[in-house]
Each structure stands twice: as structure tokens, then as C-alpha cells.
Amino acid sequence: MSDKLSFSIQPIVHELNLILKECDSLGQLPAEVVVVRVQCSTLLNALQSFTTNVSEKEAINALRQYAKVVLDMTYIKENQLVEEEFPVHDGYERMQRILDMLKQPEQVVHQVLGPTACVIESLDAEMIECLYWRKGALCYMYCHTVWTNKSRVEKTKPQLIKCLEEGVAELQSMLAVRNPVASGDDVVSNSRETVKLLAQGIFSDTHVLALMYAGEMCYWHRQLIPSTNQSKSSKTTSNQSDASFNITQPSSQSNSSTGTTSNQSDAGKAQTISPSDVSTVKTSNQSETSTDVIGSHKDSACHIDQSETRNKTHSTASCSTQTSDIESDTFDSQALGMQFLQRYVEIVKGPLRATGWDYSKAEDMIKN
């Protein structure tokens, strides 16, 4: 990166002002919103101290801090929406506004650094993975909530199908950010199971959940559109599968402990939604989720901790991070869902077999 060029930070200032106005519009602020407002104001004051354009290094630092504010603000809004069970009258619209907000950091990167800027290098792979995860998991939770109410399914079928496809696409993008790590790539671990997981591109429980969530959304999609033309979509599915399983890539792993929590509630914080609401992913007595897998969630806004794994180059294809829109007639939910679910079962029965992950629901969906 060159610091000889200069970049305008006005797009960041503009977005931060919008967040600040949104905080102020809430009236008496909850404590968590106060924290976000302070973060936003502090960053704004720092940026407004620049009277000219900034260096690339300074711009990237500002972009990352802005993205963190977005993650924290949307986390609050997501939790409220989930607690309200996505109200029929405005739940879908509120979800879409949160998704739009989570998409902004990528757009702002291009506004600040230019249209050819690599978003993953600019925001960091960990941040990009988290943004994709949060979008995909939010789509999943909306679809799960609607799916449990059959009358609501019929009334909102077009929206539900669109959300299922968008959610799968976001989780595919999350899984494709970084490449798997071969056993000879300076991997340091006392656990052979950890090495196997890294070789498959699995670096946290979030990556495993992404496989299950994507597979289940494909299953629901298949129930809604049983007559999908599979021949039209075979090429698309092949391309999607290549991207989704070219997952992640760390460097040397000197300390592979995740620091995973001892109960599901903290895991739910990391994911925005709680696995206990889903019943398809983890068993209720799960005390640890592969403590050798990289991926401790350090805060409520979903940090996938890759601190020991940042030096490897990211996936070549993933420098372009725009999530592709998948039309229903080219979305092979059956083939794609089978790939996600089979991979999930393979990992849970294999390297994670002693950690308490549940695969019975996944196997049932595969059979059906």
C-alpha cells in the first residue's frame, strides 16, 4: 500500500452522521446505544480533525473503525427484531434496512479507495466474514420465524423465497472469503482434528453453523419451489459450490484455543441469534465447540477471531465481494442444499465428533 496517494474520508463522515442521527432519534437511549453513539462521535471528531485528504493507511483505519460501528449498531437492531419475532406488519422491511446497513461498509470502501479497491484487504478478512455472516444469519432467523407459521408462509411466499436465496448467497460469500490451509502451511497445532478442520476451511463454530443454516434454507426453498428446473441451474450450482467450499485461510496457528463459552447463550451472542431457537444445530448439553478451532467470538457484534491467521492471502475470487443475486429459476436448492448438509454432517461426524454437535436434523433433510 502506498501512502503517497490521498483519499477523501467524506463518505465515512456522511455514514457516521446518519448513524448518529439514528441514535439521537431514539429518544432515551438504552445503554448499548449510548456506547455506539460514543464510538460514533469519537470517530467523527477524529475524522473531522483532518483538514485535507488522508493517506491510504489512515483511510483504511477509518474504514475499519466505521465498519465496527456498523456491526455494533446493527447488532442492537437485530436483537430487537428477533425478540419481537419479526412483526408481520413491518418485520421484513426492518430486516431489509438492517441488511442494507450491513452492506454499506463495502460500498464505502469503493467510494473512499476507488472502484478497484480490494474490500477484503481494506476491511480485513475477519471483518468481511462477520458482515456476511450477520447478513446470512439474519436472513436465516427471519425465514425460520416465518417457517414456523404456515399461514404466514403462504401470505409472504415471494418475500420468503427471496430471503432464502439472499441468505444462502451471503453465507456462501462468508465461507469463500479465505482459503483452506494445507497441513504443511506452517500450521502449528497439537490436535490432528484441528489440522483437519483447517484443511477443510473451518476456523470457527460460525463456519460450521453457516453450512447448516445454508443447507436448511435450501431445504425450505425446495419445499416452496419443488418444481425448480434443475437442468437450468446445474452450471450455477457448480460455480456456487466451488465458491462456497473454497472457504477460509489462516497462516500459522501458534495458539489454537478458541476460548469458546460454556453455554449456548454466549454462542448466540456471537451469532446474533441463539442456536436454542433453531434446534437443528447444537445439542443442549454442548459445553465446548472444538476448542482447537480458530474462532473465538470476542464481542457481541460477532468477531470471528483470526488473529493468528491473517497473514495468508485471501481467496483469489473473494477480492470482489459483491454477493450475486440468484434468481429462483437458476437456484438449484436441492443440489446446493445437499452439498452444504453433507459437508456439515461430514465435519460434525469427523473432526467435531466429540464436541456435541447435533447432525440428526441434517441427516433427515438429506434423506428427504
Protein backbone atom coordinates (compact mmCIF):
# COMPACT_ATOMS: atom_id res chain seq x y z
CA MET A 1 0.00 0.00 0.00
CA SER A 2 1.22 3.44 -0.85
CA ASP A 3 0.79 6.41 1.45
CA LYS A 4 1.71 8.85 -1.34
CA LEU A 5 -1.87 8.91 -2.59
CA SER A 6 -4.55 10.83 -0.75
CA PHE A 7 -8.17 9.86 -0.20
CA SER A 8 -11.32 11.66 0.86
CA ILE A 9 -12.97 10.39 4.04
CA GLN A 10 -16.18 12.33 3.45
CA PRO A 11 -18.19 9.17 2.59
CA ILE A 12 -17.28 7.77 6.01
CA VAL A 13 -18.20 11.03 7.73
CA HIS A 14 -21.54 11.03 5.91
CA GLU A 15 -22.40 7.48 7.03
CA LEU A 16 -21.35 8.13 10.61
CA ASN A 17 -23.56 11.21 10.73
CA LEU A 18 -26.51 9.10 9.58
CA ILE A 19 -25.85 6.59 12.36
CA LEU A 20 -25.53 9.41 14.88
CA LYS A 21 -28.86 10.87 13.79
CA GLU A 22 -30.47 7.46 14.10
CA CYS A 23 -29.14 7.11 17.64
CA ASP A 24 -30.46 10.56 18.57
CA SER A 25 -33.88 9.79 17.09
CA LEU A 26 -34.39 7.01 19.63
CA GLY A 27 -35.03 9.45 22.47
CA GLN A 28 -33.95 7.99 25.80
CA LEU A 29 -31.10 5.77 24.73
CA PRO A 30 -30.55 2.25 26.05
CA ALA A 31 -27.07 1.72 27.47
CA GLU A 32 -25.88 -0.25 24.45
CA VAL A 33 -26.97 2.51 22.08
CA VAL A 34 -25.15 5.07 24.22
CA VAL A 35 -21.97 3.05 23.73
CA VAL A 36 -22.44 3.04 19.96
CA ARG A 37 -23.18 6.76 19.97
CA VAL A 38 -19.95 7.46 21.87
CA GLN A 39 -17.99 5.30 19.43
CA CYS A 40 -19.56 7.11 16.51
CA SER A 41 -18.98 10.59 17.95
CA THR A 42 -15.39 9.81 18.86
CA LEU A 43 -14.59 8.58 15.37
CA LEU A 44 -16.38 11.54 13.78
CA ASN A 45 -14.40 14.01 15.88
CA ALA A 46 -11.15 12.28 14.91
CA LEU A 47 -12.01 12.33 11.21
CA GLN A 48 -13.19 15.92 11.22
CA SER A 49 -9.83 16.97 12.57
CA PHE A 50 -8.39 16.24 9.12
CA THR A 51 -8.47 19.37 7.01
CA THR A 52 -7.21 17.61 3.88
CA ASN A 53 -7.39 14.18 2.36
CA VAL A 54 -5.75 11.32 4.23
CA SER A 55 -3.22 8.64 3.37
CA GLU A 56 -4.33 5.16 2.34
CA LYS A 57 -3.29 3.76 5.71
CA GLU A 58 -5.35 6.38 7.53
CA ALA A 59 -8.31 5.80 5.23
CA ILE A 60 -8.23 2.05 5.83
CA ASN A 61 -8.04 2.55 9.57
CA ALA A 62 -11.07 4.85 9.45
CA LEU A 63 -12.98 2.37 7.27
CA ARG A 64 -12.38 -0.45 9.74
CA GLN A 65 -13.49 1.64 12.69
CA TYR A 66 -16.60 2.70 10.79
CA ALA A 67 -17.40 -0.92 9.93
CA LYS A 68 -17.12 -1.80 13.62
CA VAL A 69 -19.67 0.91 14.46
CA VAL A 70 -22.00 -0.54 11.82
CA LEU A 71 -21.66 -4.02 13.31
CA ASP A 72 -22.42 -2.75 16.80
CA MET A 73 -25.40 -0.64 15.75
CA THR A 74 -26.99 -3.34 13.61
CA TYR A 75 -26.44 -5.92 16.34
CA ILE A 76 -28.71 -3.89 18.63
CA LYS A 77 -31.35 -3.55 15.92
CA GLU A 78 -31.15 -7.25 15.04
CA ASN A 79 -31.64 -8.36 18.62
CA GLN A 80 -34.70 -6.16 18.97
CA LEU A 81 -36.15 -7.55 15.75
CA VAL A 82 -35.54 -11.16 16.78
CA GLU A 83 -37.05 -10.56 20.22
CA GLU A 84 -40.15 -9.15 18.53
CA GLU A 85 -40.23 -12.22 16.25
CA PHE A 86 -40.16 -10.16 13.06
CA PRO A 87 -43.59 -8.48 13.34
CA VAL A 88 -45.91 -9.24 10.44
CA HIS A 89 -46.61 -5.58 9.68
CA ASP A 90 -43.01 -4.37 9.35
CA GLY A 91 -40.57 -7.17 10.22
CA TYR A 92 -39.46 -7.82 6.65
CA GLU A 93 -38.92 -4.13 5.90
CA ARG A 94 -36.91 -3.61 9.09
CA MET A 95 -34.79 -6.63 8.27
CA GLN A 96 -34.09 -5.23 4.80
CA ARG A 97 -32.97 -1.92 6.30
CA ILE A 98 -30.53 -3.76 8.56
CA LEU A 99 -29.21 -5.76 5.60
CA ASP A 100 -28.73 -2.53 3.64
CA MET A 101 -26.81 -1.04 6.56
CA LEU A 102 -24.55 -4.11 6.73
CA LYS A 103 -23.83 -3.76 3.01
CA GLN A 104 -22.71 -0.15 3.34
CA PRO A 105 -19.11 -0.76 4.53
CA GLU A 106 -18.23 -2.50 1.28
CA GLN A 107 -19.76 0.30 -0.78
CA VAL A 108 -18.00 2.96 1.28
CA VAL A 109 -14.66 1.22 0.69
CA HIS A 110 -15.10 1.79 -3.05
CA GLN A 111 -16.27 5.35 -2.52
CA VAL A 112 -13.16 6.13 -0.49
CA LEU A 113 -10.45 3.99 -2.10
CA GLY A 114 -11.84 3.68 -5.62
CA PRO A 115 -13.85 1.13 -7.61
CA THR A 116 -10.94 -1.30 -7.95
CA ALA A 117 -10.10 -1.41 -4.23
CA CYS A 118 -9.99 -4.89 -2.71
CA VAL A 119 -12.59 -4.85 0.05
CA ILE A 120 -11.10 -7.80 1.92
CA GLU A 121 -7.66 -6.23 2.07
CA SER A 122 -9.20 -2.92 3.10
CA LEU A 123 -11.56 -4.11 5.84
CA ASP A 124 -9.72 -7.31 6.79
CA ALA A 125 -10.97 -10.85 6.16
CA GLU A 126 -12.30 -11.19 9.70
CA MET A 127 -14.50 -8.13 9.30
CA ILE A 128 -15.78 -9.24 5.89
CA GLU A 129 -16.61 -12.71 7.17
CA CYS A 130 -18.52 -11.16 10.03
CA LEU A 131 -20.51 -8.84 7.75
CA TYR A 132 -21.52 -11.76 5.52
CA TRP A 133 -22.32 -13.96 8.50
CA ARG A 134 -24.51 -11.32 10.09
CA LYS A 135 -26.47 -10.84 6.86
CA GLY A 136 -26.88 -14.56 6.25
CA ALA A 137 -27.80 -15.34 9.85
CA LEU A 138 -30.37 -12.53 9.94
CA CYS A 139 -31.99 -13.89 6.76
CA TYR A 140 -31.97 -17.34 8.34
CA MET A 141 -33.67 -16.16 11.51
CA TYR A 142 -36.37 -14.33 9.56
CA CYS A 143 -37.03 -17.41 7.43
CA HIS A 144 -37.03 -19.68 10.48
CA THR A 145 -39.56 -17.44 12.23
CA VAL A 146 -41.85 -17.34 9.21
CA TRP A 147 -41.46 -21.07 8.51
CA THR A 148 -42.89 -21.98 11.91
CA ASN A 149 -46.15 -20.18 10.98
CA LYS A 150 -47.68 -21.86 7.93
CA SER A 151 -50.30 -19.18 7.37
CA ARG A 152 -47.54 -16.60 7.32
CA VAL A 153 -45.61 -18.71 4.81
CA GLU A 154 -48.50 -18.57 2.34
CA LYS A 155 -49.00 -14.83 2.79
CA THR A 156 -45.33 -13.94 2.36
CA LYS A 157 -44.12 -16.67 -0.01
CA PRO A 158 -42.41 -14.36 -2.57
CA GLN A 159 -40.58 -12.48 0.19
CA LEU A 160 -39.63 -15.73 1.90
CA ILE A 161 -38.18 -17.22 -1.28
CA LYS A 162 -36.20 -14.05 -1.95
CA CYS A 163 -34.87 -14.01 1.61
CA LEU A 164 -33.88 -17.68 1.47
CA GLU A 165 -31.87 -17.13 -1.71
CA GLU A 166 -30.25 -13.98 -0.35
CA GLY A 167 -29.36 -15.71 2.91
CA VAL A 168 -27.73 -18.64 1.15
CA ALA A 169 -25.76 -16.27 -1.08
CA GLU A 170 -24.48 -14.30 1.92
CA LEU A 171 -23.37 -17.44 3.75
CA GLN A 172 -21.67 -18.72 0.61
CA SER A 173 -19.78 -15.47 0.42
CA MET A 174 -18.80 -15.75 4.07
CA LEU A 175 -17.45 -19.28 3.54
CA ALA A 176 -15.50 -18.20 0.47
CA VAL A 177 -13.56 -15.30 1.99
CA ARG A 178 -10.41 -17.28 2.79
CA ASN A 179 -8.81 -20.46 1.54
CA PRO A 180 -8.34 -23.72 3.43
CA VAL A 181 -4.94 -24.31 4.99
CA ALA A 182 -2.91 -27.31 3.93
CA SER A 183 -1.23 -29.25 6.73
CA GLY A 184 2.18 -28.10 5.55
CA ASP A 185 1.33 -24.38 5.55
CA ASP A 186 3.09 -23.62 8.83
CA VAL A 187 0.14 -24.95 10.81
CA VAL A 188 1.10 -25.38 14.45
CA SER A 189 -1.36 -27.43 16.49
CA ASN A 190 -1.30 -30.30 18.96
CA SER A 191 -4.60 -31.56 17.63
CA ARG A 192 -4.91 -33.58 14.46
CA GLU A 193 -8.60 -32.73 14.40
CA THR A 194 -7.77 -29.03 14.28
CA VAL A 195 -5.47 -29.59 11.33
CA LYS A 196 -8.26 -31.46 9.54
CA LEU A 197 -10.69 -28.61 10.17
CA LEU A 198 -8.23 -26.01 8.89
CA ALA A 199 -7.64 -28.11 5.79
CA GLN A 200 -11.38 -28.01 5.15
CA GLY A 201 -11.55 -24.27 5.70
CA ILE A 202 -13.34 -24.48 9.04
CA PHE A 203 -11.95 -21.94 11.51
CA SER A 204 -14.80 -21.40 13.97
CA ASP A 205 -18.15 -22.72 15.09
CA THR A 206 -19.62 -19.94 12.97
CA HIS A 207 -18.28 -21.58 9.82
CA VAL A 208 -19.93 -24.84 10.82
CA LEU A 209 -23.22 -23.10 11.58
CA ALA A 210 -23.07 -21.35 8.21
CA LEU A 211 -23.07 -24.74 6.49
CA MET A 212 -26.10 -25.87 8.49
CA TYR A 213 -28.01 -22.63 8.08
CA ALA A 214 -27.39 -22.54 4.32
CA GLY A 215 -28.37 -26.19 3.99
CA GLU A 216 -31.59 -25.71 5.92
CA MET A 217 -32.53 -22.62 3.92
CA CYS A 218 -32.01 -24.64 0.73
CA TYR A 219 -34.27 -27.33 2.18
CA TRP A 220 -37.03 -24.82 2.88
CA HIS A 221 -36.57 -23.32 -0.57
CA ARG A 222 -37.02 -26.77 -2.08
CA GLN A 223 -40.30 -27.21 -0.20
CA LEU A 224 -41.56 -23.90 -1.59
CA ILE A 225 -40.42 -24.46 -5.17
CA PRO A 226 -40.44 -28.24 -5.71
CA SER A 227 -40.54 -27.88 -9.49
CA THR A 228 -37.29 -25.91 -9.82
CA ASN A 229 -35.72 -26.63 -13.20
CA GLN A 230 -32.56 -28.37 -12.07
CA SER A 231 -31.08 -28.68 -15.55
CA LYS A 232 -31.01 -24.91 -15.98
CA SER A 233 -29.24 -24.43 -12.69
CA SER A 234 -26.61 -27.16 -12.75
CA LYS A 235 -23.89 -24.84 -14.01
CA THR A 236 -24.81 -22.17 -11.47
CA THR A 237 -24.80 -24.71 -8.67
CA SER A 238 -21.39 -25.98 -9.68
CA ASN A 239 -19.98 -22.48 -9.58
CA GLN A 240 -21.68 -21.74 -6.26
CA SER A 241 -20.38 -24.92 -4.75
CA ASP A 242 -16.81 -24.16 -5.80
CA ALA A 243 -17.02 -20.76 -4.15
CA SER A 244 -18.74 -21.89 -1.01
CA PHE A 245 -16.30 -24.63 -0.22
CA ASN A 246 -13.18 -22.67 -1.09
CA ILE A 247 -13.65 -21.35 2.37
CA THR A 248 -11.07 -19.73 4.54
CA GLN A 249 -7.39 -19.48 5.07
CA PRO A 250 -5.18 -18.73 8.03
CA SER A 251 -1.45 -18.56 8.40
CA SER A 252 0.46 -20.06 11.29
CA GLN A 253 -1.61 -21.13 14.24
CA SER A 254 0.52 -20.82 17.32
CA ASN A 255 -2.38 -20.90 19.72
CA SER A 256 -5.49 -22.69 18.57
CA SER A 257 -7.65 -22.19 21.62
CA THR A 258 -10.97 -20.56 20.84
CA GLY A 259 -11.97 -19.61 24.32
CA THR A 260 -15.44 -20.83 23.44
CA THR A 261 -18.02 -20.25 26.11
CA SER A 262 -19.52 -22.97 28.24
CA ASN A 263 -23.11 -22.36 27.28
CA GLN A 264 -25.17 -21.63 24.22
CA SER A 265 -26.26 -18.14 25.18
CA ASP A 266 -22.84 -16.64 24.57
CA ALA A 267 -22.58 -18.51 21.30
CA GLY A 268 -25.91 -16.99 20.42
CA LYS A 269 -24.50 -13.53 21.06
CA ALA A 270 -21.71 -14.20 18.64
CA GLN A 271 -24.18 -15.24 16.01
CA THR A 272 -26.79 -12.56 16.74
CA ILE A 273 -29.30 -15.41 17.06
CA SER A 274 -29.32 -18.23 19.54
CA PRO A 275 -28.95 -21.84 18.39
CA SER A 276 -31.52 -22.77 21.02
CA ASP A 277 -34.10 -21.07 18.80
CA VAL A 278 -33.21 -23.34 15.92
CA SER A 279 -32.97 -26.89 17.34
CA THR A 280 -31.14 -28.06 14.26
CA VAL A 281 -27.59 -27.23 15.08
CA LYS A 282 -26.28 -27.93 18.56
CA THR A 283 -27.32 -30.23 21.32
CA SER A 284 -28.49 -28.62 24.54
CA ASN A 285 -25.64 -30.13 26.55
CA GLN A 286 -22.89 -28.79 24.33
CA SER A 287 -20.24 -27.34 26.60
CA GLU A 288 -17.49 -26.70 24.08
CA THR A 289 -17.34 -26.41 20.35
CA SER A 290 -14.00 -27.63 19.17
CA THR A 291 -11.71 -25.65 21.41
CA ASP A 292 -8.93 -26.11 18.90
CA VAL A 293 -10.81 -24.48 16.04
CA ILE A 294 -9.80 -20.89 15.44
CA GLY A 295 -12.70 -18.58 16.03
CA SER A 296 -13.37 -17.18 19.47
CA HIS A 297 -16.16 -14.63 19.32
CA LYS A 298 -14.71 -11.74 21.25
CA ASP A 299 -17.73 -9.48 21.41
CA SER A 300 -21.43 -9.37 20.87
CA ALA A 301 -21.14 -7.92 17.38
CA CYS A 302 -19.61 -11.14 16.07
CA HIS A 303 -15.87 -11.11 15.88
CA ILE A 304 -14.53 -14.25 14.29
CA ASP A 305 -11.09 -14.19 15.86
CA GLN A 306 -8.49 -14.94 13.23
CA SER A 307 -5.66 -13.13 14.99
CA GLU A 308 -3.21 -15.93 14.31
CA THR A 309 -4.42 -16.46 10.77
CA ARG A 310 -4.27 -13.14 8.98
CA ASN A 311 -1.04 -13.39 7.05
CA LYS A 312 -2.22 -15.76 4.34
CA THR A 313 -3.62 -14.35 1.14
CA HIS A 314 -7.36 -14.47 0.91
CA SER A 315 -9.27 -16.39 -1.71
CA THR A 316 -8.40 -15.01 -5.13
CA ALA A 317 -12.04 -14.87 -6.18
CA SER A 318 -13.12 -13.19 -2.99
CA CYS A 319 -11.44 -9.82 -3.57
CA SER A 320 -14.65 -8.99 -5.39
CA THR A 321 -17.13 -9.31 -2.57
CA GLN A 322 -20.41 -8.40 -4.22
CA THR A 323 -22.98 -11.06 -3.42
CA SER A 324 -24.55 -12.23 -6.65
CA ASP A 325 -28.31 -12.18 -6.99
CA ILE A 326 -29.61 -15.69 -7.62
CA GLU A 327 -32.89 -15.98 -9.47
CA SER A 328 -35.27 -18.76 -8.48
CA ASP A 329 -35.08 -20.46 -11.86
CA THR A 330 -31.30 -20.79 -11.56
CA PHE A 331 -31.17 -21.65 -7.87
CA ASP A 332 -30.76 -25.41 -7.54
CA SER A 333 -31.81 -25.67 -3.93
CA GLN A 334 -31.72 -29.46 -3.90
CA ALA A 335 -28.18 -29.95 -5.19
CA LEU A 336 -26.77 -26.96 -3.34
CA GLY A 337 -28.50 -27.89 -0.10
CA MET A 338 -27.20 -31.46 -0.32
CA GLN A 339 -23.66 -30.14 -0.64
CA PHE A 340 -24.00 -27.92 2.41
CA LEU A 341 -25.69 -30.53 4.56
CA GLN A 342 -23.41 -33.40 3.57
CA ARG A 343 -20.39 -31.26 4.32
CA TYR A 344 -21.87 -30.27 7.67
CA VAL A 345 -22.53 -33.91 8.61
CA GLU A 346 -19.06 -34.95 7.45
CA ILE A 347 -17.42 -32.34 9.68
CA VAL A 348 -19.64 -32.97 12.71
CA LYS A 349 -19.20 -36.74 12.48
CA GLY A 350 -15.49 -36.34 11.79
CA PRO A 351 -13.25 -33.70 13.41
CA LEU A 352 -16.06 -32.40 15.66
CA ARG A 353 -17.46 -35.78 16.67
CA ALA A 354 -16.57 -35.35 20.35
CA THR A 355 -17.91 -31.82 20.76
CA GLY A 356 -21.66 -32.37 20.98
CA TRP A 357 -22.87 -31.00 17.65
CA ASP A 358 -26.18 -32.46 16.50
CA TYR A 359 -26.47 -33.83 12.97
CA SER A 360 -29.73 -35.80 13.14
CA LYS A 361 -31.84 -32.99 11.61
CA ALA A 362 -29.29 -32.53 8.81
CA GLU A 363 -29.39 -36.25 8.02
CA ASP A 364 -33.18 -36.20 7.95
CA MET A 365 -33.16 -33.34 5.45
CA ILE A 366 -30.64 -35.18 3.28
CA LYS A 367 -32.90 -38.26 3.20
CA ASN A 368 -35.91 -36.16 2.31
